[in-house]
Structure formats: structure tokens, C-alpha cells
Amino acid sequence: MKKVLTAGIIALVIELIGMAVNYFYYQSNGWLLISHKGFGGEITIEHGFGLRVVHIYAMAPGESGSVTLSFSPISFITFFIILFVLVWIILFAAEKLKKK
């Protein structure tokens, strides 16, 4: 149980640090540094550490594009679960190696 709690806390800290890095990078550059990008006709969507950025590009003269940043609970939970599993595997492997 202690290993699960430790893995959860470490995963949450990593996720919050990743979210902060992405947020500050977005503020200075307009896109996320660490993210999964999806491309479509006139839209690009980025998901990373609980943040979502939607870029809509203008396709006709006189139109203007837009960029929006929002919190994405699904992205936050997905990244947390991935990080949790990775940290738990590392802690489990380190414990096994320590016993040998």
C-alpha cells in the first residue's frame, strides 16, 4: 500500500511540474512543449499534462485564426495513470533489485 501511495504522489508531482512547464511555455510561444498533437484541415489540437490547446487557422482572406487554452480533465487523468504505472513499475523493479 505504501508503494502505491508513493507512486501516486510522485506521479502527481511530475504531472503538476509538466503542467506548469507547458503552461509557461504556452504563455511565451503559443503552443505546448510536451504534448500529443492531432492535425486536421484547419485545426490543430494539443493535449499535454491536463492542458488542451486548440489552434484554428483561417482559411479565407479576411478571416482570423484563434488559439485557446483550457484544462482537460481527461488528459489530466490519462497522463496521471500513465505516470502512475511507470513510477510503480520503477519502484517495484528497484525493490526487487535491492532484495537480490
N, C-alpha and C. Protein backbone atom coordinates (compact mmCIF):
# COMPACT_ATOMS: atom_id res chain seq x y z
N MET A 1 0.82 -1.20 0.00
CA MET A 1 0.00 0.00 0.00
C MET A 1 0.87 1.26 0.00
N LYS A 2 1.98 1.18 0.72
CA LYS A 2 2.88 2.32 0.80
C LYS A 2 3.47 2.64 -0.57
N LYS A 3 3.78 1.58 -1.34
CA LYS A 3 4.35 1.75 -2.68
C LYS A 3 3.34 2.42 -3.61
N VAL A 4 2.06 2.07 -3.48
CA VAL A 4 1.02 2.66 -4.31
C VAL A 4 0.86 4.15 -3.99
N LEU A 5 0.85 4.48 -2.70
CA LEU A 5 0.73 5.87 -2.29
C LEU A 5 1.94 6.68 -2.76
N THR A 6 3.12 6.12 -2.60
CA THR A 6 4.34 6.80 -3.05
C THR A 6 4.31 7.02 -4.56
N ALA A 7 3.92 6.01 -5.31
CA ALA A 7 3.83 6.13 -6.77
C ALA A 7 2.81 7.20 -7.15
N GLY A 8 1.68 7.26 -6.45
CA GLY A 8 0.66 8.26 -6.73
C GLY A 8 1.15 9.67 -6.46
N ILE A 9 1.84 9.86 -5.36
CA ILE A 9 2.36 11.20 -5.03
C ILE A 9 3.42 11.63 -6.04
N ILE A 10 4.34 10.74 -6.37
CA ILE A 10 5.39 11.06 -7.35
C ILE A 10 4.77 11.37 -8.71
N ALA A 11 3.79 10.57 -9.14
CA ALA A 11 3.13 10.80 -10.43
C ALA A 11 2.41 12.15 -10.44
N LEU A 12 1.76 12.51 -9.33
CA LEU A 12 1.06 13.78 -9.25
C LEU A 12 2.04 14.96 -9.31
N VAL A 13 3.16 14.84 -8.61
CA VAL A 13 4.17 15.90 -8.65
C VAL A 13 4.72 16.06 -10.07
N ILE A 14 5.04 14.96 -10.73
CA ILE A 14 5.55 15.03 -12.11
C ILE A 14 4.51 15.66 -13.02
N GLU A 15 3.25 15.28 -12.85
CA GLU A 15 2.18 15.84 -13.68
C GLU A 15 2.03 17.34 -13.47
N LEU A 16 2.07 17.79 -12.23
CA LEU A 16 1.94 19.22 -11.95
C LEU A 16 3.13 20.01 -12.48
N ILE A 17 4.32 19.44 -12.39
CA ILE A 17 5.51 20.10 -12.96
C ILE A 17 5.37 20.18 -14.48
N GLY A 18 4.94 19.08 -15.10
CA GLY A 18 4.74 19.08 -16.55
C GLY A 18 3.68 20.08 -16.97
N MET A 19 2.61 20.20 -16.19
CA MET A 19 1.56 21.17 -16.48
C MET A 19 2.10 22.60 -16.39
N ALA A 20 2.90 22.86 -15.36
CA ALA A 20 3.48 24.20 -15.20
C ALA A 20 4.42 24.53 -16.35
N VAL A 21 5.26 23.58 -16.74
CA VAL A 21 6.18 23.79 -17.86
C VAL A 21 5.39 24.10 -19.13
N ASN A 22 4.36 23.29 -19.40
CA ASN A 22 3.54 23.51 -20.60
C ASN A 22 2.83 24.86 -20.55
N TYR A 23 2.30 25.23 -19.39
CA TYR A 23 1.58 26.49 -19.27
C TYR A 23 2.50 27.69 -19.54
N PHE A 24 3.67 27.70 -18.90
CA PHE A 24 4.58 28.82 -19.10
C PHE A 24 5.15 28.85 -20.52
N TYR A 25 5.35 27.68 -21.10
CA TYR A 25 5.81 27.63 -22.49
C TYR A 25 4.73 28.16 -23.42
N TYR A 26 3.47 27.80 -23.14
CA TYR A 26 2.35 28.31 -23.94
C TYR A 26 2.27 29.83 -23.84
N GLN A 27 2.46 30.36 -22.65
CA GLN A 27 2.38 31.81 -22.46
C GLN A 27 3.42 32.55 -23.30
N SER A 28 4.58 31.95 -23.50
CA SER A 28 5.62 32.63 -24.27
C SER A 28 5.65 32.26 -25.75
N ASN A 29 5.13 31.08 -26.12
CA ASN A 29 5.26 30.62 -27.51
C ASN A 29 3.94 30.29 -28.22
N GLY A 30 2.85 30.14 -27.48
CA GLY A 30 1.56 29.86 -28.11
C GLY A 30 1.29 28.40 -28.40
N TRP A 31 2.13 27.49 -27.92
CA TRP A 31 1.88 26.06 -28.08
C TRP A 31 2.51 25.32 -26.91
N LEU A 32 2.15 24.05 -26.72
CA LEU A 32 2.64 23.25 -25.59
C LEU A 32 3.96 22.59 -25.94
N LEU A 33 4.89 22.58 -25.00
CA LEU A 33 6.20 21.98 -25.22
C LEU A 33 6.12 20.46 -25.25
N ILE A 34 5.44 19.87 -24.26
CA ILE A 34 5.34 18.41 -24.14
C ILE A 34 3.87 18.04 -24.35
N SER A 35 3.55 17.53 -25.53
CA SER A 35 2.14 17.25 -25.81
C SER A 35 1.99 16.25 -26.94
N HIS A 36 0.77 15.77 -27.06
CA HIS A 36 0.37 14.94 -28.19
C HIS A 36 -0.42 15.86 -29.12
N LYS A 37 -0.04 15.90 -30.39
CA LYS A 37 -0.67 16.80 -31.34
C LYS A 37 -1.54 16.03 -32.32
N GLY A 38 -2.71 16.56 -32.58
CA GLY A 38 -3.62 16.00 -33.57
C GLY A 38 -3.88 17.04 -34.64
N PHE A 39 -3.77 16.64 -35.90
CA PHE A 39 -3.90 17.59 -37.01
C PHE A 39 -5.13 17.26 -37.84
N GLY A 40 -5.79 18.30 -38.31
CA GLY A 40 -6.93 18.16 -39.19
C GLY A 40 -7.01 19.39 -40.06
N GLY A 41 -7.83 19.41 -41.07
CA GLY A 41 -7.96 20.51 -42.03
C GLY A 41 -7.46 21.85 -41.57
N GLU A 42 -8.26 22.57 -40.83
CA GLU A 42 -7.84 23.89 -40.38
C GLU A 42 -7.70 23.96 -38.87
N ILE A 43 -7.45 22.82 -38.23
CA ILE A 43 -7.37 22.78 -36.78
C ILE A 43 -6.21 21.90 -36.32
N THR A 44 -5.59 22.31 -35.24
CA THR A 44 -4.58 21.50 -34.57
C THR A 44 -4.94 21.49 -33.09
N ILE A 45 -4.98 20.31 -32.49
CA ILE A 45 -5.30 20.19 -31.07
C ILE A 45 -4.11 19.54 -30.37
N GLU A 46 -3.69 20.15 -29.27
CA GLU A 46 -2.58 19.62 -28.47
C GLU A 46 -3.11 19.25 -27.08
N HIS A 47 -2.73 18.08 -26.60
CA HIS A 47 -3.06 17.63 -25.25
C HIS A 47 -1.76 17.33 -24.52
N GLY A 48 -1.60 17.88 -23.32
CA GLY A 48 -0.40 17.59 -22.55
C GLY A 48 -0.55 17.93 -21.09
N PHE A 49 -0.42 16.95 -20.22
CA PHE A 49 -0.43 17.13 -18.78
C PHE A 49 -1.65 17.90 -18.29
N GLY A 50 -2.81 17.60 -18.83
CA GLY A 50 -4.05 18.21 -18.36
C GLY A 50 -4.42 19.50 -19.06
N LEU A 51 -3.61 19.96 -19.98
CA LEU A 51 -3.92 21.17 -20.74
C LEU A 51 -4.26 20.81 -22.17
N ARG A 52 -5.14 21.61 -22.76
CA ARG A 52 -5.52 21.41 -24.16
C ARG A 52 -5.46 22.76 -24.87
N VAL A 53 -4.77 22.78 -26.00
CA VAL A 53 -4.69 23.98 -26.82
C VAL A 53 -5.30 23.65 -28.18
N VAL A 54 -6.22 24.51 -28.61
CA VAL A 54 -6.87 24.35 -29.90
C VAL A 54 -6.46 25.52 -30.78
N HIS A 55 -5.80 25.21 -31.90
CA HIS A 55 -5.40 26.21 -32.90
C HIS A 55 -6.37 26.07 -34.07
N ILE A 56 -7.11 27.12 -34.38
CA ILE A 56 -7.97 27.14 -35.56
C ILE A 56 -7.37 28.15 -36.52
N TYR A 57 -7.04 27.68 -37.70
CA TYR A 57 -6.37 28.52 -38.70
C TYR A 57 -7.39 29.08 -39.69
N ALA A 58 -7.21 30.34 -40.03
CA ALA A 58 -8.08 30.98 -41.01
C ALA A 58 -7.82 30.38 -42.39
N MET A 59 -8.88 30.13 -43.13
CA MET A 59 -8.74 29.50 -44.44
C MET A 59 -9.13 30.44 -45.58
N ALA A 60 -9.65 31.61 -45.25
CA ALA A 60 -10.06 32.54 -46.30
C ALA A 60 -9.50 33.93 -45.99
N PRO A 61 -9.28 34.73 -47.01
CA PRO A 61 -8.80 36.09 -46.77
C PRO A 61 -9.80 36.88 -45.91
N GLY A 62 -9.28 37.64 -45.00
CA GLY A 62 -10.14 38.45 -44.14
C GLY A 62 -10.56 37.76 -42.86
N GLU A 63 -10.39 36.46 -42.75
CA GLU A 63 -10.71 35.74 -41.52
C GLU A 63 -9.50 35.76 -40.61
N SER A 64 -9.74 35.51 -39.32
CA SER A 64 -8.62 35.42 -38.39
C SER A 64 -8.69 34.09 -37.64
N GLY A 65 -7.54 33.55 -37.36
CA GLY A 65 -7.48 32.30 -36.62
C GLY A 65 -7.61 32.56 -35.12
N SER A 66 -7.67 31.47 -34.37
CA SER A 66 -7.75 31.62 -32.91
C SER A 66 -6.96 30.50 -32.24
N VAL A 67 -6.51 30.80 -31.03
CA VAL A 67 -5.80 29.83 -30.21
C VAL A 67 -6.41 29.90 -28.81
N THR A 68 -6.86 28.75 -28.28
CA THR A 68 -7.45 28.74 -26.94
C THR A 68 -6.77 27.68 -26.08
N LEU A 69 -6.59 28.01 -24.83
CA LEU A 69 -6.01 27.10 -23.84
C LEU A 69 -7.10 26.76 -22.84
N SER A 70 -7.22 25.47 -22.48
CA SER A 70 -8.20 25.08 -21.47
C SER A 70 -7.68 23.87 -20.69
N PHE A 71 -8.27 23.66 -19.52
CA PHE A 71 -7.96 22.49 -18.71
C PHE A 71 -8.75 21.32 -19.26
N SER A 72 -8.09 20.16 -19.39
CA SER A 72 -8.74 18.96 -19.91
C SER A 72 -8.65 17.85 -18.87
N PRO A 73 -9.76 17.58 -18.17
CA PRO A 73 -9.74 16.53 -17.14
C PRO A 73 -9.34 15.15 -17.70
N ILE A 74 -9.79 14.84 -18.90
CA ILE A 74 -9.46 13.53 -19.49
C ILE A 74 -7.96 13.43 -19.73
N SER A 75 -7.36 14.48 -20.25
CA SER A 75 -5.91 14.50 -20.47
C SER A 75 -5.17 14.40 -19.14
N PHE A 76 -5.65 15.11 -18.13
CA PHE A 76 -5.02 15.07 -16.81
C PHE A 76 -5.03 13.65 -16.24
N ILE A 77 -6.19 13.00 -16.30
CA ILE A 77 -6.33 11.64 -15.76
C ILE A 77 -5.51 10.65 -16.57
N THR A 78 -5.52 10.78 -17.89
CA THR A 78 -4.76 9.88 -18.76
C THR A 78 -3.27 9.96 -18.47
N PHE A 79 -2.73 11.19 -18.43
CA PHE A 79 -1.31 11.36 -18.14
C PHE A 79 -0.98 10.88 -16.73
N PHE A 80 -1.88 11.12 -15.77
CA PHE A 80 -1.64 10.67 -14.40
C PHE A 80 -1.55 9.14 -14.34
N ILE A 81 -2.46 8.46 -14.99
CA ILE A 81 -2.45 6.98 -14.97
C ILE A 81 -1.18 6.45 -15.61
N ILE A 82 -0.78 7.02 -16.74
CA ILE A 82 0.45 6.58 -17.40
C ILE A 82 1.65 6.79 -16.49
N LEU A 83 1.75 7.98 -15.90
CA LEU A 83 2.86 8.26 -14.99
C LEU A 83 2.83 7.37 -13.77
N PHE A 84 1.64 7.13 -13.22
CA PHE A 84 1.50 6.28 -12.04
C PHE A 84 2.02 4.87 -12.33
N VAL A 85 1.61 4.31 -13.46
CA VAL A 85 2.04 2.95 -13.81
C VAL A 85 3.56 2.91 -14.00
N LEU A 86 4.11 3.89 -14.70
CA LEU A 86 5.56 3.92 -14.92
C LEU A 86 6.32 4.04 -13.61
N VAL A 87 5.89 4.93 -12.73
CA VAL A 87 6.56 5.10 -11.44
C VAL A 87 6.43 3.85 -10.60
N TRP A 88 5.24 3.22 -10.61
CA TRP A 88 5.04 2.00 -9.83
C TRP A 88 5.96 0.88 -10.33
N ILE A 89 6.09 0.74 -11.64
CA ILE A 89 6.99 -0.28 -12.21
C ILE A 89 8.43 -0.01 -11.79
N ILE A 90 8.85 1.25 -11.83
CA ILE A 90 10.22 1.59 -11.42
C ILE A 90 10.44 1.28 -9.94
N LEU A 91 9.48 1.64 -9.10
CA LEU A 91 9.61 1.34 -7.66
C LEU A 91 9.63 -0.17 -7.41
N PHE A 92 8.79 -0.91 -8.12
CA PHE A 92 8.73 -2.36 -7.98
C PHE A 92 10.05 -2.99 -8.42
N ALA A 93 10.59 -2.54 -9.56
CA ALA A 93 11.86 -3.08 -10.05
C ALA A 93 13.01 -2.74 -9.11
N ALA A 94 13.00 -1.51 -8.58
CA ALA A 94 14.06 -1.11 -7.65
C ALA A 94 14.02 -1.95 -6.38
N GLU A 95 12.83 -2.26 -5.91
CA GLU A 95 12.69 -3.10 -4.71
C GLU A 95 13.20 -4.51 -4.97
N LYS A 96 12.88 -5.07 -6.14
CA LYS A 96 13.33 -6.41 -6.50
C LYS A 96 14.86 -6.46 -6.62
N LEU A 97 15.44 -5.43 -7.24
CA LEU A 97 16.90 -5.39 -7.38
C LEU A 97 17.58 -5.22 -6.03
N LYS A 98 16.95 -4.49 -5.15
CA LYS A 98 17.51 -4.25 -3.82
C LYS A 98 17.55 -5.54 -3.00
N LYS A 99 16.54 -6.41 -3.17
CA LYS A 99 16.47 -7.67 -2.43
C LYS A 99 17.51 -8.67 -2.90
N LYS A 100 17.98 -8.56 -4.15
CA LYS A 100 18.94 -9.51 -4.69
C LYS A 100 20.27 -9.18 -4.16
